[in-house]
Structure formats: C-alpha cells, structure tokens
C-alpha cells in the first residue's frame, strides 16, 4: 500500500455536526469545493451531458440521471475520497466502507406543468421492505456535491423531512401518479455551489422541480459497508486510482486488500490511513478471526 500517503483521511464531524446529523438526518458541509473546483467538475458534467445527447440517449433539454459516476467519467474520482467528505463519512460508518451507488444528475429548467408523481422515498429500495427493525438500520450515507446554485428553493433542491430518518413510514397516495401534498415539516435544503449535503439513507426525501433558469447539476456518492453488494459498474483500469480510491470503487483484490468482511483490518487501505493518522475509534475494535 505504497500510495497510502497520497490519501488524506480528512477530519471527523465535529460534535455539533454529529449531533445535528443524528437529530435531523442530514448536515450541510459548506465550501467543500473551491470555485475553480466547481468550474472544473461542472465542465466534466457538461461534457457528459453533451455525450449523452450526441449518443441519442437524451432528448434535447431532457434530464440526466447517469449511474456509476466514476465508471462513466473517471475524472470524477477525486471527489470520492475528498477529505472534506471522506472524513465525515468514515466518522459515521467507520473504515470498512465502499461506494455501492453513485450518479450524475443534470436537470434543466422545467417548462410548463408536470404530471403529478409522488417522489418521496428512503434510499435503499428493498431494504425498506425487508429489514424488520423500527427504526431500520442506517446501513449507508450519501453525499451530494452541488455544482449549481440551490441557495433558493425551487431549483431542484434536495427536499427532506428533518428527523424522519427514524420513521419507517410516511403517509402517501394510493398511487404515485396522484396529486398529494408534501409530508408535514418538509423543507427544501439550500446550498451554494461547492457545498456538500451528507444525509442518512433513511431520511424521507425528494427533489423539488426546477422552475428556475439555472440548470441543476450535482454528483452523488453513496457509501456503505463493504459487505453490501455494489450497484455500480467497476472501472476498467484500476492502475489509475489510489489504494483508498480502489477500496471505495470495489477494486481491491487479494494483492492489495482484505475481503469485504474486514477480518484483516491492516490490509484495508482506509484503515491504514486512519491508523497512521491516529484517528481509529478504540470503541470499535476489529473483528476476531
């Protein structure tokens, strides 16, 4: 693991941030990306959108929801272990993690009325039908890098019901294509370009319609324990990524990392980075073989 020194593990959430995350189910991390970073990653997303248009996979002016962000656009890889996001993630989930789901979103201005559709949901799909506890376990967290300005409502903002991550069910219509009000207490989270919103997968959330003249652009990465099977496609060329990036992308093998159950922590790159930085939590010991 000679490239461990390339990785910066970042810092854990502060006590206040962690308290807010546990209480509300999300936290805004301001200014994670600089203005130059925002411009750089926006250009990559714009190029991806143009490629999808050219390939005929999008109608002109259509919305893009492209899965497997790094497989689709390898230049997005620095976002997955950016220390300002990675630190909060490992401080919640620990070191035995990877990215199991990601997507790049572009939502142009909505022109005219849309047919009704109830979009409120928790992440995880069947997890929310097949796990029996109340509340269900967290299992994963998701970070969204905002490249567009959502500092005002109505711009495709992330809508949430604060505190709903410990609620297994909310009222909804008998059919999703019916008009139905937002759940009580729902808000639109505002953020500036370069901010990250980190949220518990269980929080009830949706996306506001973008009626502004600003095209909504964002990149999402969902982190979970490595024993949860990944949804993303694995990038083809593993040599271009650091050890921590390979861990997060599911590229570790017998030559550079332990299997996903984490029985050999010293072989797991992020564990090594945190150990070198003195940031391991002694209250969470390694598994015994």
Protein backbone atom coordinates (compact mmCIF):
# COMPACT_ATOMS: atom_id res chain seq x y z
CA UNK A 1 0.00 0.00 0.00
CA UNK A 2 2.68 2.43 -1.06
CA UNK A 3 0.18 5.06 -2.14
CA UNK A 4 -1.42 5.46 1.30
CA UNK A 5 0.50 8.70 1.69
CA UNK A 6 -1.42 10.08 -1.29
CA UNK A 7 -4.64 9.89 0.73
CA UNK A 8 -5.82 12.45 3.24
CA UNK A 9 -8.38 10.94 5.59
CA UNK A 10 -9.93 14.27 6.48
CA UNK A 11 -11.46 15.10 9.84
CA UNK A 12 -14.42 13.61 11.61
CA UNK A 13 -17.63 15.54 12.02
CA UNK A 14 -17.46 17.94 14.94
CA UNK A 15 -19.59 17.16 17.97
CA UNK A 16 -22.11 19.80 16.88
CA UNK A 17 -22.21 18.49 13.30
CA UNK A 18 -22.65 14.92 14.50
CA UNK A 19 -25.44 15.96 16.86
CA UNK A 20 -27.19 17.79 14.01
CA UNK A 21 -26.76 14.77 11.72
CA UNK A 22 -28.19 12.38 14.29
CA UNK A 23 -31.09 14.73 15.10
CA UNK A 24 -32.02 15.88 11.58
CA UNK A 25 -30.71 13.04 9.40
CA UNK A 26 -28.54 15.34 7.29
CA UNK A 27 -25.87 18.01 7.54
CA UNK A 28 -24.63 20.67 5.10
CA UNK A 29 -20.84 20.81 4.65
CA UNK A 30 -20.15 24.28 3.26
CA UNK A 31 -17.43 25.16 0.76
CA UNK A 32 -16.05 21.67 0.19
CA UNK A 33 -15.13 22.60 -3.38
CA UNK A 34 -13.47 25.86 -4.40
CA UNK A 35 -14.83 27.99 -7.22
CA UNK A 36 -12.15 26.56 -9.52
CA UNK A 37 -13.12 23.02 -8.48
CA UNK A 38 -16.76 23.75 -9.20
CA UNK A 39 -15.88 25.08 -12.64
CA UNK A 40 -13.71 22.02 -13.37
CA UNK A 41 -16.27 19.43 -12.34
CA UNK A 42 -19.08 21.36 -13.98
CA UNK A 43 -17.18 21.16 -17.27
CA UNK A 44 -16.92 17.38 -16.86
CA UNK A 45 -20.64 17.05 -16.17
CA UNK A 46 -21.45 19.31 -19.11
CA UNK A 47 -19.27 17.18 -21.38
CA UNK A 48 -21.01 14.03 -20.14
CA UNK A 49 -24.41 15.60 -20.84
CA UNK A 50 -23.30 16.54 -24.36
CA UNK A 51 -22.05 12.98 -25.00
CA UNK A 52 -25.39 11.55 -23.89
CA UNK A 53 -27.20 13.95 -26.21
CA UNK A 54 -24.93 13.09 -29.12
CA UNK A 55 -25.44 9.36 -28.50
CA UNK A 56 -29.20 9.82 -28.61
CA UNK A 57 -29.69 8.69 -25.02
CA UNK A 58 -31.28 12.02 -24.05
CA UNK A 59 -33.83 14.26 -25.69
CA UNK A 60 -32.65 17.85 -26.08
CA UNK A 61 -33.46 19.64 -22.86
CA UNK A 62 -34.03 16.33 -21.06
CA UNK A 63 -32.90 15.42 -17.58
CA UNK A 64 -29.83 13.23 -17.00
CA UNK A 65 -29.60 10.63 -14.22
CA UNK A 66 -26.46 8.63 -15.05
CA UNK A 67 -25.45 5.83 -12.71
CA UNK A 68 -21.88 4.69 -11.93
CA UNK A 69 -20.32 8.14 -11.82
CA UNK A 70 -16.63 7.19 -11.94
CA UNK A 71 -17.14 4.40 -14.45
CA UNK A 72 -18.93 6.92 -16.63
CA UNK A 73 -16.47 9.75 -16.02
CA UNK A 74 -13.16 8.64 -14.42
CA UNK A 75 -12.12 12.28 -13.91
CA UNK A 76 -14.69 12.48 -11.09
CA UNK A 77 -12.59 10.09 -8.97
CA UNK A 78 -11.03 12.81 -6.75
CA UNK A 79 -14.50 13.51 -5.39
CA UNK A 80 -14.93 10.07 -3.85
CA UNK A 81 -12.19 10.50 -1.25
CA UNK A 82 -12.14 14.27 -0.94
CA UNK A 83 -11.09 14.72 2.70
CA UNK A 84 -13.91 17.17 3.42
CA UNK A 85 -16.42 14.40 2.57
CA UNK A 86 -14.43 11.27 3.41
CA UNK A 87 -13.77 12.43 6.99
CA UNK A 88 -17.46 12.85 7.84
CA UNK A 89 -18.29 9.56 6.10
CA UNK A 90 -15.79 7.39 7.98
CA UNK A 91 -16.64 9.15 11.24
CA UNK A 92 -20.20 7.84 10.82
CA UNK A 93 -19.65 4.42 9.18
CA UNK A 94 -16.05 3.57 10.08
CA UNK A 95 -13.29 2.35 7.78
CA UNK A 96 -14.78 -0.84 6.26
CA UNK A 97 -16.66 1.05 3.56
CA UNK A 98 -17.02 1.42 -0.17
CA UNK A 99 -19.23 3.20 -2.67
CA UNK A 100 -22.11 0.99 -3.71
CA UNK A 101 -24.11 3.52 -5.70
CA UNK A 102 -23.45 6.83 -7.43
CA UNK A 103 -24.95 9.05 -10.07
CA UNK A 104 -24.53 12.27 -12.01
CA UNK A 105 -27.65 14.42 -12.30
CA UNK A 106 -28.50 17.27 -14.64
CA UNK A 107 -31.99 18.77 -14.51
CA UNK A 108 -32.70 21.66 -16.88
CA UNK A 109 -35.50 24.15 -16.28
CA UNK A 110 -38.98 22.65 -16.15
CA UNK A 111 -41.11 24.36 -18.79
CA UNK A 112 -44.79 24.21 -18.03
CA UNK A 113 -46.80 21.93 -15.74
CA UNK A 114 -45.72 18.38 -14.98
CA UNK A 115 -47.98 15.39 -14.37
CA UNK A 116 -48.23 14.60 -10.66
CA UNK A 117 -45.91 11.98 -9.21
CA UNK A 118 -45.26 11.28 -5.54
CA UNK A 119 -41.47 11.03 -5.30
CA UNK A 120 -40.89 10.92 -1.53
CA UNK A 121 -38.76 7.92 -0.59
CA UNK A 122 -35.98 6.50 1.53
CA UNK A 123 -32.83 5.25 -0.20
CA UNK A 124 -32.08 1.55 -0.25
CA UNK A 125 -35.00 0.14 -2.19
CA UNK A 126 -35.92 -3.30 -0.86
CA UNK A 127 -34.01 -2.64 2.34
CA UNK A 128 -37.04 -0.64 3.41
CA UNK A 129 -39.35 -3.60 2.87
CA UNK A 130 -37.21 -6.47 4.08
CA UNK A 131 -35.47 -5.16 7.22
CA UNK A 132 -37.77 -5.63 10.14
CA UNK A 133 -36.47 -3.28 12.83
CA UNK A 134 -38.03 0.03 13.85
CA UNK A 135 -36.25 2.20 13.03
CA UNK A 136 -34.43 0.32 10.34
CA UNK A 137 -30.62 0.36 10.41
CA UNK A 138 -28.76 3.21 8.75
CA UNK A 139 -26.58 0.98 6.52
CA UNK A 140 -25.39 3.83 4.30
CA UNK A 141 -24.94 7.56 3.93
CA UNK A 142 -24.95 9.63 0.77
CA UNK A 143 -23.12 12.82 -0.14
CA UNK A 144 -24.22 15.19 -2.89
CA UNK A 145 -21.76 17.67 -4.38
CA UNK A 146 -23.69 20.72 -5.56
CA UNK A 147 -22.27 22.22 -8.74
CA UNK A 148 -25.24 24.52 -9.33
CA UNK A 149 -26.68 27.22 -7.10
CA UNK A 150 -29.54 25.87 -4.99
CA UNK A 151 -29.35 28.68 -2.45
CA UNK A 152 -33.01 29.42 -3.18
CA UNK A 153 -35.94 26.97 -3.20
CA UNK A 154 -37.42 25.78 -6.48
CA UNK A 155 -34.10 25.00 -8.17
CA UNK A 156 -34.24 21.22 -7.96
CA UNK A 157 -33.33 21.35 -4.27
CA UNK A 158 -32.97 18.33 -2.03
CA UNK A 159 -36.25 18.17 -0.09
CA UNK A 160 -36.32 16.43 3.28
CA UNK A 161 -38.41 15.96 6.37
CA UNK A 162 -35.85 16.69 9.12
CA UNK A 163 -35.72 13.91 11.69
CA UNK A 164 -37.64 11.44 9.53
CA UNK A 165 -34.68 9.03 9.32
CA UNK A 166 -36.04 7.25 12.39
CA UNK A 167 -39.53 6.96 10.87
CA UNK A 168 -40.22 3.82 8.86
CA UNK A 169 -43.30 5.09 7.06
CA UNK A 170 -45.00 8.31 5.96
CA UNK A 171 -48.45 8.87 4.52
CA UNK A 172 -48.67 8.83 0.75
CA UNK A 173 -51.19 8.41 -2.04
CA UNK A 174 -52.59 5.02 -3.05
CA UNK A 175 -50.96 5.57 -6.47
CA UNK A 176 -47.81 7.55 -7.19
CA UNK A 177 -49.38 9.41 -10.12
CA UNK A 178 -51.84 11.25 -7.88
CA UNK A 179 -51.54 14.80 -6.59
CA UNK A 180 -50.55 14.67 -2.94
CA UNK A 181 -49.13 17.28 -0.55
CA UNK A 182 -45.57 17.14 0.76
CA UNK A 183 -45.25 15.46 4.17
CA UNK A 184 -45.68 17.73 7.21
CA UNK A 185 -42.45 19.50 8.12
CA UNK A 186 -40.87 19.12 4.67
CA UNK A 187 -38.22 21.69 3.71
CA UNK A 188 -36.02 22.44 0.72
CA UNK A 189 -32.36 22.31 1.71
CA UNK A 190 -30.47 25.30 0.33
CA UNK A 191 -26.80 25.12 -0.64
CA UNK A 192 -24.22 27.04 -2.63
CA UNK A 193 -22.09 25.66 -5.46
CA UNK A 194 -19.29 23.66 -3.85
CA UNK A 195 -21.30 22.67 -0.79
CA UNK A 196 -21.95 19.03 0.06
CA UNK A 197 -25.10 17.73 1.70
CA UNK A 198 -24.45 14.49 3.61
CA UNK A 199 -27.52 12.52 4.57
CA UNK A 200 -28.65 9.31 6.21
CA UNK A 201 -30.15 6.99 3.59
CA UNK A 202 -33.28 6.56 5.73
CA UNK A 203 -34.33 10.20 5.65
CA UNK A 204 -37.51 10.74 3.65
CA UNK A 205 -36.56 12.92 0.72
CA UNK A 206 -37.42 14.03 -2.79
CA UNK A 207 -36.31 16.61 -5.36
CA UNK A 208 -38.07 19.89 -5.94
CA UNK A 209 -38.97 20.76 -9.52
CA UNK A 210 -36.51 23.15 -11.09
CA UNK A 211 -38.56 26.13 -12.23
CA UNK A 212 -35.54 28.46 -12.18
CA UNK A 213 -33.35 29.45 -15.11
CA UNK A 214 -30.39 27.64 -13.50
CA UNK A 215 -29.75 24.08 -14.68
CA UNK A 216 -29.48 21.82 -11.66
CA UNK A 217 -26.19 19.88 -11.60
CA UNK A 218 -24.98 17.54 -8.87
CA UNK A 219 -22.91 14.41 -8.28
CA UNK A 220 -23.99 11.83 -5.70
CA UNK A 221 -21.93 9.15 -3.93
CA UNK A 222 -23.47 6.62 -1.53
CA UNK A 223 -21.15 4.92 0.96
CA UNK A 224 -21.94 1.69 2.76
CA UNK A 225 -20.22 -1.24 4.41
CA UNK A 226 -18.16 -3.36 2.07
CA UNK A 227 -20.30 -6.41 2.74
CA UNK A 228 -23.19 -4.70 0.97
CA UNK A 229 -23.08 -5.66 -2.73
CA UNK A 230 -22.29 -2.79 -5.05
CA UNK A 231 -24.67 -1.46 -7.69
CA UNK A 232 -22.03 0.49 -9.62
CA UNK A 233 -20.04 -0.91 -12.51
CA UNK A 234 -16.36 -1.29 -11.66
CA UNK A 235 -13.97 0.97 -13.62
CA UNK A 236 -11.89 -0.86 -16.19
CA UNK A 237 -8.42 0.47 -15.34
CA UNK A 238 -7.54 0.04 -11.66
CA UNK A 239 -3.98 1.32 -12.03
CA UNK A 240 -5.01 4.99 -12.21
CA UNK A 241 -6.52 5.03 -8.71
CA UNK A 242 -5.01 5.23 -5.23
CA UNK A 243 -5.44 2.40 -2.71
CA UNK A 244 -8.23 4.22 -0.88
CA UNK A 245 -9.96 5.01 -4.18
CA UNK A 246 -9.68 1.33 -5.18
CA UNK A 247 -11.28 0.37 -1.88
CA UNK A 248 -14.16 2.81 -2.41
CA UNK A 249 -14.67 1.70 -6.02
CA UNK A 250 -14.65 -2.03 -5.18
CA UNK A 251 -11.35 -2.71 -6.97
CA UNK A 252 -9.44 -4.35 -4.11
CA UNK A 253 -8.32 -7.91 -4.64
CA UNK A 254 -6.10 -10.45 -2.87
CA UNK A 255 -2.98 -8.48 -3.80
CA UNK A 256 -3.91 -5.18 -2.14
CA UNK A 257 -6.75 -5.64 0.33
CA UNK A 258 -8.79 -7.85 2.58
CA UNK A 259 -12.15 -9.23 1.51
CA UNK A 260 -15.22 -7.15 2.26
CA UNK A 261 -15.97 -8.64 5.69
CA UNK A 262 -12.96 -6.81 7.10
CA UNK A 263 -11.37 -9.66 9.07
CA UNK A 264 -7.87 -8.32 8.37
CA UNK A 265 -8.09 -4.55 9.02
CA UNK A 266 -4.40 -3.91 8.39
CA UNK A 267 -4.94 -4.92 4.76
CA UNK A 268 -7.73 -2.37 4.22
CA UNK A 269 -6.36 0.95 2.82
CA UNK A 270 -8.62 3.39 4.69
CA UNK A 271 -7.96 1.55 7.96
CA UNK A 272 -4.24 2.06 7.31
CA UNK A 273 -4.69 5.77 6.60
CA UNK A 274 -6.71 6.28 9.80
CA UNK A 275 -4.24 4.22 11.83
CA UNK A 276 -1.31 6.31 10.60
CA UNK A 277 -3.21 9.47 11.48
CA UNK A 278 -4.22 8.19 14.94
CA UNK A 279 -7.91 8.50 14.08
CA UNK A 280 -9.20 4.97 14.72
CA UNK A 281 -12.02 4.69 17.23
CA UNK A 282 -10.88 2.37 20.06
CA UNK A 283 -14.54 1.74 20.91
CA UNK A 284 -14.93 -0.13 17.59
CA UNK A 285 -12.38 -2.99 17.74
CA UNK A 286 -11.54 -5.19 14.80
CA UNK A 287 -13.39 -8.45 14.28
CA UNK A 288 -11.74 -11.57 15.67
CA UNK A 289 -10.98 -14.22 13.01
